[in-house]
Amino acid sequence: GPSRTLRSDTAKRLLALSASDMRPSEHRAIDATGTRRRLQALAAIDWALANDFWQAHILSPAKLRAKYETLRRQAMSERRKQ
């Protein structure tokens, strides 16, 4: 199931980012200015990669954004079952 903590390599990548390092891009679907939003995106990516179905279906930032609420609800549902 989903973890409430980030893996150390994911945390290191997150901490290495700064908003000033981010250049606007048409491919970026996640706002880089908010730490909470970055954490949410990384947690969603981490959970999706650990899920056989979502690993095959979340192939772009746009798809992650479009399916974020569904991913969040499923992760929370799995967490409650544990």
PDB file of N, CA and C in Angstrom:
ATOM      1  N   GLY A   1       0.807  -1.183   0.000  1.00  0.00           N
ATOM      2  CA  GLY A   1       0.000   0.000   0.000  1.00  0.00           C
ATOM      3  C   GLY A   1       0.856   1.255   0.000  1.00  0.00           C
ATOM      4  N   PRO A   2       0.252   2.392  -0.035  1.00  0.00           N
ATOM      5  CA  PRO A   2       0.987   3.655  -0.051  1.00  0.00           C
ATOM      6  C   PRO A   2       1.684   3.905   1.273  1.00  0.00           C
ATOM      7  N   SER A   3       2.770   4.592   1.198  1.00  0.00           N
ATOM      8  CA  SER A   3       3.553   4.923   2.383  1.00  0.00           C
ATOM      9  C   SER A   3       3.297   6.367   2.779  1.00  0.00           C
ATOM     10  N   ARG A   4       3.360   6.627   4.071  1.00  0.00           N
ATOM     11  CA  ARG A   4       3.204   8.005   4.540  1.00  0.00           C
ATOM     12  C   ARG A   4       4.534   8.749   4.518  1.00  0.00           C
ATOM     13  N   THR A   5       5.596   8.050   4.209  1.00  0.00           N
ATOM     14  CA  THR A   5       6.910   8.682   4.131  1.00  0.00           C
ATOM     15  C   THR A   5       7.447   8.540   2.713  1.00  0.00           C
ATOM     16  N   LEU A   6       8.349   9.427   2.371  1.00  0.00           N
ATOM     17  CA  LEU A   6       8.985   9.357   1.058  1.00  0.00           C
ATOM     18  C   LEU A   6      10.257   8.538   1.164  1.00  0.00           C
ATOM     19  N   ARG A   7      10.588   7.863   0.094  1.00  0.00           N
ATOM     20  CA  ARG A   7      11.876   7.171   0.055  1.00  0.00           C
ATOM     21  C   ARG A   7      12.971   8.225   0.064  1.00  0.00           C
ATOM     22  N   SER A   8      14.130   7.860   0.581  1.00  0.00           N
ATOM     23  CA  SER A   8      15.210   8.846   0.720  1.00  0.00           C
ATOM     24  C   SER A   8      15.634   9.423  -0.629  1.00  0.00           C
ATOM     25  N   ASP A   9      15.660   8.602  -1.680  1.00  0.00           N
ATOM     26  CA  ASP A   9      16.053   9.139  -2.989  1.00  0.00           C
ATOM     27  C   ASP A   9      15.013  10.124  -3.517  1.00  0.00           C
ATOM     28  N   THR A  10      13.737   9.877  -3.240  1.00  0.00           N
ATOM     29  CA  THR A  10      12.681  10.808  -3.651  1.00  0.00           C
ATOM     30  C   THR A  10      12.796  12.105  -2.868  1.00  0.00           C
ATOM     31  N   ALA A  11      13.041  11.996  -1.566  1.00  0.00           N
ATOM     32  CA  ALA A  11      13.190  13.189  -0.725  1.00  0.00           C
ATOM     33  C   ALA A  11      14.382  14.028  -1.185  1.00  0.00           C
ATOM     34  N   LYS A  12      15.482  13.391  -1.531  1.00  0.00           N
ATOM     35  CA  LYS A  12      16.666  14.124  -1.998  1.00  0.00           C
ATOM     36  C   LYS A  12      16.374  14.874  -3.297  1.00  0.00           C
ATOM     37  N   ARG A  13      15.636  14.228  -4.202  1.00  0.00           N
ATOM     38  CA  ARG A  13      15.274  14.903  -5.459  1.00  0.00           C
ATOM     39  C   ARG A  13      14.371  16.091  -5.193  1.00  0.00           C
ATOM     40  N   LEU A  14      13.437  15.922  -4.278  1.00  0.00           N
ATOM     41  CA  LEU A  14      12.523  17.012  -3.938  1.00  0.00           C
ATOM     42  C   LEU A  14      13.275  18.184  -3.336  1.00  0.00           C
ATOM     43  N   LEU A  15      14.152  17.892  -2.390  1.00  0.00           N
ATOM     44  CA  LEU A  15      14.884  18.958  -1.715  1.00  0.00           C
ATOM     45  C   LEU A  15      15.872  19.660  -2.641  1.00  0.00           C
ATOM     46  N   ALA A  16      16.272  18.994  -3.699  1.00  0.00           N
ATOM     47  CA  ALA A  16      17.210  19.602  -4.646  1.00  0.00           C
ATOM     48  C   ALA A  16      16.528  20.613  -5.567  1.00  0.00           C
ATOM     49  N   LEU A  17      15.210  20.602  -5.618  1.00  0.00           N
ATOM     50  CA  LEU A  17      14.470  21.508  -6.497  1.00  0.00           C
ATOM     51  C   LEU A  17      14.215  22.848  -5.829  1.00  0.00           C
ATOM     52  N   SER A  18      14.268  23.883  -6.619  1.00  0.00           N
ATOM     53  CA  SER A  18      13.832  25.196  -6.142  1.00  0.00           C
ATOM     54  C   SER A  18      12.945  25.796  -7.226  1.00  0.00           C
ATOM     55  N   ALA A  19      12.019  26.624  -6.816  1.00  0.00           N
ATOM     56  CA  ALA A  19      11.094  27.218  -7.782  1.00  0.00           C
ATOM     57  C   ALA A  19      11.840  28.004  -8.849  1.00  0.00           C
ATOM     58  N   SER A  20      12.960  28.643  -8.475  1.00  0.00           N
ATOM     59  CA  SER A  20      13.711  29.431  -9.457  1.00  0.00           C
ATOM     60  C   SER A  20      14.388  28.543 -10.502  1.00  0.00           C
ATOM     61  N   ASP A  21      14.607  27.257 -10.167  1.00  0.00           N
ATOM     62  CA  ASP A  21      15.200  26.328 -11.131  1.00  0.00           C
ATOM     63  C   ASP A  21      14.205  25.878 -12.188  1.00  0.00           C
ATOM     64  N   MET A  22      12.940  26.065 -11.913  1.00  0.00           N
ATOM     65  CA  MET A  22      11.903  25.591 -12.812  1.00  0.00           C
ATOM     66  C   MET A  22      11.621  26.629 -13.890  1.00  0.00           C
ATOM     67  N   ARG A  23      11.763  26.226 -15.111  1.00  0.00           N
ATOM     68  CA  ARG A  23      11.425  27.103 -16.224  1.00  0.00           C
ATOM     69  C   ARG A  23      10.032  26.722 -16.713  1.00  0.00           C
ATOM     70  N   PRO A  24       9.245  27.696 -17.112  1.00  0.00           N
ATOM     71  CA  PRO A  24       7.911  27.361 -17.628  1.00  0.00           C
ATOM     72  C   PRO A  24       8.015  26.398 -18.805  1.00  0.00           C
ATOM     73  N   SER A  25       7.125  25.457 -18.838  1.00  0.00           N
ATOM     74  CA  SER A  25       7.121  24.457 -19.894  1.00  0.00           C
ATOM     75  C   SER A  25       5.685  24.059 -20.196  1.00  0.00           C
ATOM     76  N   GLU A  26       5.406  23.836 -21.449  1.00  0.00           N
ATOM     77  CA  GLU A  26       4.059  23.401 -21.800  1.00  0.00           C
ATOM     78  C   GLU A  26       3.783  21.995 -21.288  1.00  0.00           C
ATOM     79  N   HIS A  27       4.840  21.238 -20.976  1.00  0.00           N
ATOM     80  CA  HIS A  27       4.675  19.872 -20.491  1.00  0.00           C
ATOM     81  C   HIS A  27       4.489  19.815 -18.982  1.00  0.00           C
ATOM     82  N   ARG A  28       4.777  20.906 -18.288  1.00  0.00           N
ATOM     83  CA  ARG A  28       4.648  20.887 -16.833  1.00  0.00           C
ATOM     84  C   ARG A  28       3.195  21.127 -16.472  1.00  0.00           C
ATOM     85  N   ALA A  29       2.610  20.146 -15.796  1.00  0.00           N
ATOM     86  CA  ALA A  29       1.205  20.250 -15.406  1.00  0.00           C
ATOM     87  C   ALA A  29       1.063  20.498 -13.912  1.00  0.00           C
ATOM     88  N   ILE A  30       2.185  20.559 -13.199  1.00  0.00           N
ATOM     89  CA  ILE A  30       2.154  20.742 -11.751  1.00  0.00           C
ATOM     90  C   ILE A  30       2.914  22.013 -11.413  1.00  0.00           C
ATOM     91  N   ASP A  31       2.270  22.920 -10.716  1.00  0.00           N
ATOM     92  CA  ASP A  31       2.887  24.178 -10.309  1.00  0.00           C
ATOM     93  C   ASP A  31       4.070  23.893  -9.386  1.00  0.00           C
ATOM     94  N   ALA A  32       5.222  24.466  -9.701  1.00  0.00           N
ATOM     95  CA  ALA A  32       6.435  24.203  -8.927  1.00  0.00           C
ATOM     96  C   ALA A  32       6.630  25.163  -7.769  1.00  0.00           C
ATOM     97  N   THR A  33       5.731  26.100  -7.572  1.00  0.00           N
ATOM     98  CA  THR A  33       5.973  27.123  -6.555  1.00  0.00           C
ATOM     99  C   THR A  33       5.567  26.707  -5.156  1.00  0.00           C
ATOM    100  N   GLY A  34       4.764  25.691  -4.992  1.00  0.00           N
ATOM    101  CA  GLY A  34       4.293  25.318  -3.661  1.00  0.00           C
ATOM    102  C   GLY A  34       4.887  24.011  -3.183  1.00  0.00           C
ATOM    103  N   THR A  35       5.501  24.028  -2.006  1.00  0.00           N
ATOM    104  CA  THR A  35       6.086  22.811  -1.457  1.00  0.00           C
ATOM    105  C   THR A  35       5.023  21.740  -1.268  1.00  0.00           C
ATOM    106  N   ARG A  36       3.867  22.116  -0.748  1.00  0.00           N
ATOM    107  CA  ARG A  36       2.805  21.130  -0.533  1.00  0.00           C
ATOM    108  C   ARG A  36       2.407  20.463  -1.848  1.00  0.00           C
ATOM    109  N   ARG A  37       2.263  21.258  -2.891  1.00  0.00           N
ATOM    110  CA  ARG A  37       1.870  20.702  -4.186  1.00  0.00           C
ATOM    111  C   ARG A  37       2.940  19.761  -4.726  1.00  0.00           C
ATOM    112  N   ARG A  38       4.205  20.119  -4.547  1.00  0.00           N
ATOM    113  CA  ARG A  38       5.283  19.231  -4.993  1.00  0.00           C
ATOM    114  C   ARG A  38       5.262  17.921  -4.218  1.00  0.00           C
ATOM    115  N   LEU A  39       5.058  18.024  -2.891  1.00  0.00           N
ATOM    116  CA  LEU A  39       4.983  16.812  -2.068  1.00  0.00           C
ATOM    117  C   LEU A  39       3.808  15.938  -2.488  1.00  0.00           C
ATOM    118  N   GLN A  40       2.673  16.552  -2.738  1.00  0.00           N
ATOM    119  CA  GLN A  40       1.499  15.795  -3.176  1.00  0.00           C
ATOM    120  C   GLN A  40       1.773  15.099  -4.511  1.00  0.00           C
ATOM    121  N   ALA A  41       2.396  15.815  -5.425  1.00  0.00           N
ATOM    122  CA  ALA A  41       2.698  15.231  -6.738  1.00  0.00           C
ATOM    123  C   ALA A  41       3.675  14.073  -6.604  1.00  0.00           C
ATOM    124  N   LEU A  42       4.724  14.255  -5.807  1.00  0.00           N
ATOM    125  CA  LEU A  42       5.698  13.179  -5.626  1.00  0.00           C
ATOM    126  C   LEU A  42       5.076  11.973  -4.937  1.00  0.00           C
ATOM    127  N   ALA A  43       4.231  12.210  -3.942  1.00  0.00           N
ATOM    128  CA  ALA A  43       3.555  11.098  -3.264  1.00  0.00           C
ATOM    129  C   ALA A  43       2.636  10.364  -4.237  1.00  0.00           C
ATOM    130  N   ALA A  44       1.928  11.107  -5.080  1.00  0.00           N
ATOM    131  CA  ALA A  44       1.038  10.485  -6.068  1.00  0.00           C
ATOM    132  C   ALA A  44       1.839   9.670  -7.080  1.00  0.00           C
ATOM    133  N   ILE A  45       2.961  10.203  -7.524  1.00  0.00           N
ATOM    134  CA  ILE A  45       3.821   9.479  -8.465  1.00  0.00           C
ATOM    135  C   ILE A  45       4.345   8.211  -7.811  1.00  0.00           C
ATOM    136  N   ASP A  46       4.826   8.339  -6.565  1.00  0.00           N
ATOM    137  CA  ASP A  46       5.363   7.199  -5.826  1.00  0.00           C
ATOM    138  C   ASP A  46       4.304   6.111  -5.688  1.00  0.00           C
ATOM    139  N   TRP A  47       3.078   6.499  -5.307  1.00  0.00           N
ATOM    140  CA  TRP A  47       1.999   5.529  -5.138  1.00  0.00           C
ATOM    141  C   TRP A  47       1.624   4.901  -6.475  1.00  0.00           C
ATOM    142  N   ALA A  48       1.507   5.710  -7.516  1.00  0.00           N
ATOM    143  CA  ALA A  48       1.123   5.197  -8.834  1.00  0.00           C
ATOM    144  C   ALA A  48       2.154   4.208  -9.370  1.00  0.00           C
ATOM    145  N   LEU A  49       3.430   4.470  -9.126  1.00  0.00           N
ATOM    146  CA  LEU A  49       4.476   3.562  -9.597  1.00  0.00           C
ATOM    147  C   LEU A  49       4.456   2.229  -8.856  1.00  0.00           C
ATOM    148  N   ALA A  50       3.925   2.215  -7.635  1.00  0.00           N
ATOM    149  CA  ALA A  50       3.835   0.984  -6.848  1.00  0.00           C
ATOM    150  C   ALA A  50       2.555   0.202  -7.153  1.00  0.00           C
ATOM    151  N   ASN A  51       1.673   0.758  -7.959  1.00  0.00           N
ATOM    152  CA  ASN A  51       0.390   0.135  -8.279  1.00  0.00           C
ATOM    153  C   ASN A  51       0.438  -0.372  -9.717  1.00  0.00           C
ATOM    154  N   ASP A  52       0.191  -1.661  -9.909  1.00  0.00           N
ATOM    155  CA  ASP A  52       0.310  -2.258 -11.246  1.00  0.00           C
ATOM    156  C   ASP A  52      -0.566  -1.567 -12.293  1.00  0.00           C
ATOM    157  N   PHE A  53      -1.803  -1.264 -11.933  1.00  0.00           N
ATOM    158  CA  PHE A  53      -2.701  -0.625 -12.895  1.00  0.00           C
ATOM    159  C   PHE A  53      -2.228   0.784 -13.231  1.00  0.00           C
ATOM    160  N   TRP A  54      -2.022   1.609 -12.203  1.00  0.00           N
ATOM    161  CA  TRP A  54      -1.696   3.014 -12.447  1.00  0.00           C
ATOM    162  C   TRP A  54      -0.308   3.201 -13.048  1.00  0.00           C
ATOM    163  N   GLN A  55       0.603   2.288 -12.764  1.00  0.00           N
ATOM    164  CA  GLN A  55       1.945   2.395 -13.340  1.00  0.00           C
ATOM    165  C   GLN A  55       1.873   2.402 -14.869  1.00  0.00           C
ATOM    166  N   ALA A  56       0.935   1.654 -15.415  1.00  0.00           N
ATOM    167  CA  ALA A  56       0.787   1.585 -16.871  1.00  0.00           C
ATOM    168  C   ALA A  56      -0.052   2.727 -17.439  1.00  0.00           C
ATOM    169  N   HIS A  57      -0.741   3.488 -16.570  1.00  0.00           N
ATOM    170  CA  HIS A  57      -1.669   4.505 -17.060  1.00  0.00           C
ATOM    171  C   HIS A  57      -1.267   5.947 -16.763  1.00  0.00           C
ATOM    172  N   ILE A  58      -0.359   6.166 -15.840  1.00  0.00           N
ATOM    173  CA  ILE A  58       0.103   7.530 -15.547  1.00  0.00           C
ATOM    174  C   ILE A  58       1.449   7.699 -16.243  1.00  0.00           C
ATOM    175  N   LEU A  59       1.402   8.187 -17.463  1.00  0.00           N
ATOM    176  CA  LEU A  59       2.607   8.269 -18.286  1.00  0.00           C
ATOM    177  C   LEU A  59       3.034   9.703 -18.584  1.00  0.00           C
ATOM    178  N   SER A  60       2.331  10.679 -18.017  1.00  0.00           N
ATOM    179  CA  SER A  60       2.681  12.073 -18.278  1.00  0.00           C
ATOM    180  C   SER A  60       2.193  12.942 -17.124  1.00  0.00           C
ATOM    181  N   PRO A  61       2.788  14.130 -16.965  1.00  0.00           N
ATOM    182  CA  PRO A  61       2.301  15.057 -15.935  1.00  0.00           C
ATOM    183  C   PRO A  61       0.830  15.421 -16.139  1.00  0.00           C
ATOM    184  N   ALA A  62       0.405  15.550 -17.382  1.00  0.00           N
ATOM    185  CA  ALA A  62      -0.991  15.899 -17.652  1.00  0.00           C
ATOM    186  C   ALA A  62      -1.932  14.798 -17.171  1.00  0.00           C
ATOM    187  N   LYS A  63      -1.555  13.547 -17.380  1.00  0.00           N
ATOM    188  CA  LYS A  63      -2.388  12.427 -16.931  1.00  0.00           C
ATOM    189  C   LYS A  63      -2.400  12.357 -15.404  1.00  0.00           C
ATOM    190  N   LEU A  64      -1.266  12.646 -14.770  1.00  0.00           N
ATOM    191  CA  LEU A  64      -1.212  12.675 -13.303  1.00  0.00           C
ATOM    192  C   LEU A  64      -2.171  13.724 -12.764  1.00  0.00           C
ATOM    193  N   ARG A  65      -2.144  14.888 -13.361  1.00  0.00           N
ATOM    194  CA  ARG A  65      -3.038  15.964 -12.913  1.00  0.00           C
ATOM    195  C   ARG A  65      -4.496  15.570 -13.134  1.00  0.00           C
ATOM    196  N   ALA A  66      -4.794  15.002 -14.284  1.00  0.00           N
ATOM    197  CA  ALA A  66      -6.175  14.633 -14.601  1.00  0.00           C
ATOM    198  C   ALA A  66      -6.712  13.548 -13.673  1.00  0.00           C
ATOM    199  N   LYS A  67      -5.853  12.648 -13.241  1.00  0.00           N
ATOM    200  CA  LYS A  67      -6.288  11.507 -12.428  1.00  0.00           C
ATOM    201  C   LYS A  67      -5.919  11.644 -10.952  1.00  0.00           C
ATOM    202  N   TYR A  68      -5.391  12.807 -10.543  1.00  0.00           N
ATOM    203  CA  TYR A  68      -4.906  12.978  -9.172  1.00  0.00           C
ATOM    204  C   TYR A  68      -5.968  12.643  -8.120  1.00  0.00           C
ATOM    205  N   GLU A  69      -7.169  13.168  -8.259  1.00  0.00           N
ATOM    206  CA  GLU A  69      -8.209  12.925  -7.242  1.00  0.00           C
ATOM    207  C   GLU A  69      -8.563  11.443  -7.157  1.00  0.00           C
ATOM    208  N   THR A  70      -8.599  10.761  -8.282  1.00  0.00           N
ATOM    209  CA  THR A  70      -8.869   9.324  -8.279  1.00  0.00           C
ATOM    210  C   THR A  70      -7.748   8.577  -7.576  1.00  0.00           C
ATOM    211  N   LEU A  71      -6.502   8.931  -7.882  1.00  0.00           N
ATOM    212  CA  LEU A  71      -5.355   8.312  -7.212  1.00  0.00           C
ATOM    213  C   LEU A  71      -5.421   8.545  -5.706  1.00  0.00           C
ATOM    214  N   ARG A  72      -5.714   9.779  -5.314  1.00  0.00           N
ATOM    215  CA  ARG A  72      -5.765  10.129  -3.894  1.00  0.00           C
ATOM    216  C   ARG A  72      -6.836   9.313  -3.176  1.00  0.00           C
ATOM    217  N   ARG A  73      -8.017   9.223  -3.778  1.00  0.00           N
ATOM    218  CA  ARG A  73      -9.107   8.455  -3.151  1.00  0.00           C
ATOM    219  C   ARG A  73      -8.747   6.977  -3.022  1.00  0.00           C
ATOM    220  N   GLN A  74      -8.145   6.405  -4.042  1.00  0.00           N
ATOM    221  CA  GLN A  74      -7.771   4.994  -3.987  1.00  0.00           C
ATOM    222  C   GLN A  74      -6.682   4.751  -2.952  1.00  0.00           C
ATOM    223  N   ALA A  75      -5.703   5.647  -2.886  1.00  0.00           N
ATOM    224  CA  ALA A  75      -4.636   5.506  -1.889  1.00  0.00           C
ATOM    225  C   ALA A  75      -5.210   5.594  -0.479  1.00  0.00           C
ATOM    226  N   MET A  76      -6.119   6.531  -0.257  1.00  0.00           N
ATOM    227  CA  MET A  76      -6.734   6.671   1.065  1.00  0.00           C
ATOM    228  C   MET A  76      -7.570   5.439   1.410  1.00  0.00           C
ATOM    229  N   SER A  77      -8.281   4.894   0.443  1.00  0.00           N
ATOM    230  CA  SER A  77      -9.088   3.698   0.663  1.00  0.00           C
ATOM    231  C   SER A  77      -8.204   2.516   1.055  1.00  0.00           C
ATOM    232  N   GLU A  78      -7.097   2.337   0.349  1.00  0.00           N
ATOM    233  CA  GLU A  78      -6.158   1.259   0.679  1.00  0.00           C
ATOM    234  C   GLU A  78      -5.556   1.461   2.064  1.00  0.00           C
ATOM    235  N   ARG A  79      -5.240   2.694   2.398  1.00  0.00           N
ATOM    236  CA  ARG A  79      -4.653   2.999   3.700  1.00  0.00           C
ATOM    237  C   ARG A  79      -5.624   2.631   4.825  1.00  0.00           C
ATOM    238  N   ARG A  80      -6.909   2.899   4.627  1.00  0.00           N
ATOM    239  CA  ARG A  80      -7.926   2.577   5.647  1.00  0.00           C
ATOM    240  C   ARG A  80      -8.073   1.075   5.839  1.00  0.00           C
ATOM    241  N   LYS A  81      -7.853   0.293   4.793  1.00  0.00           N
ATOM    242  CA  LYS A  81      -7.988  -1.167   4.871  1.00  0.00           C
ATOM    243  C   LYS A  81      -6.850  -1.815   5.654  1.00  0.00           C
ATOM    244  N   GLN A  82      -5.750  -1.117   5.790  1.00  0.00           N
ATOM    245  CA  GLN A  82      -4.571  -1.695   6.459  1.00  0.00           C
ATOM    246  C   GLN A  82      -4.713  -1.686   7.950  1.00  0.00           C
TER     247      GLN A  82
END
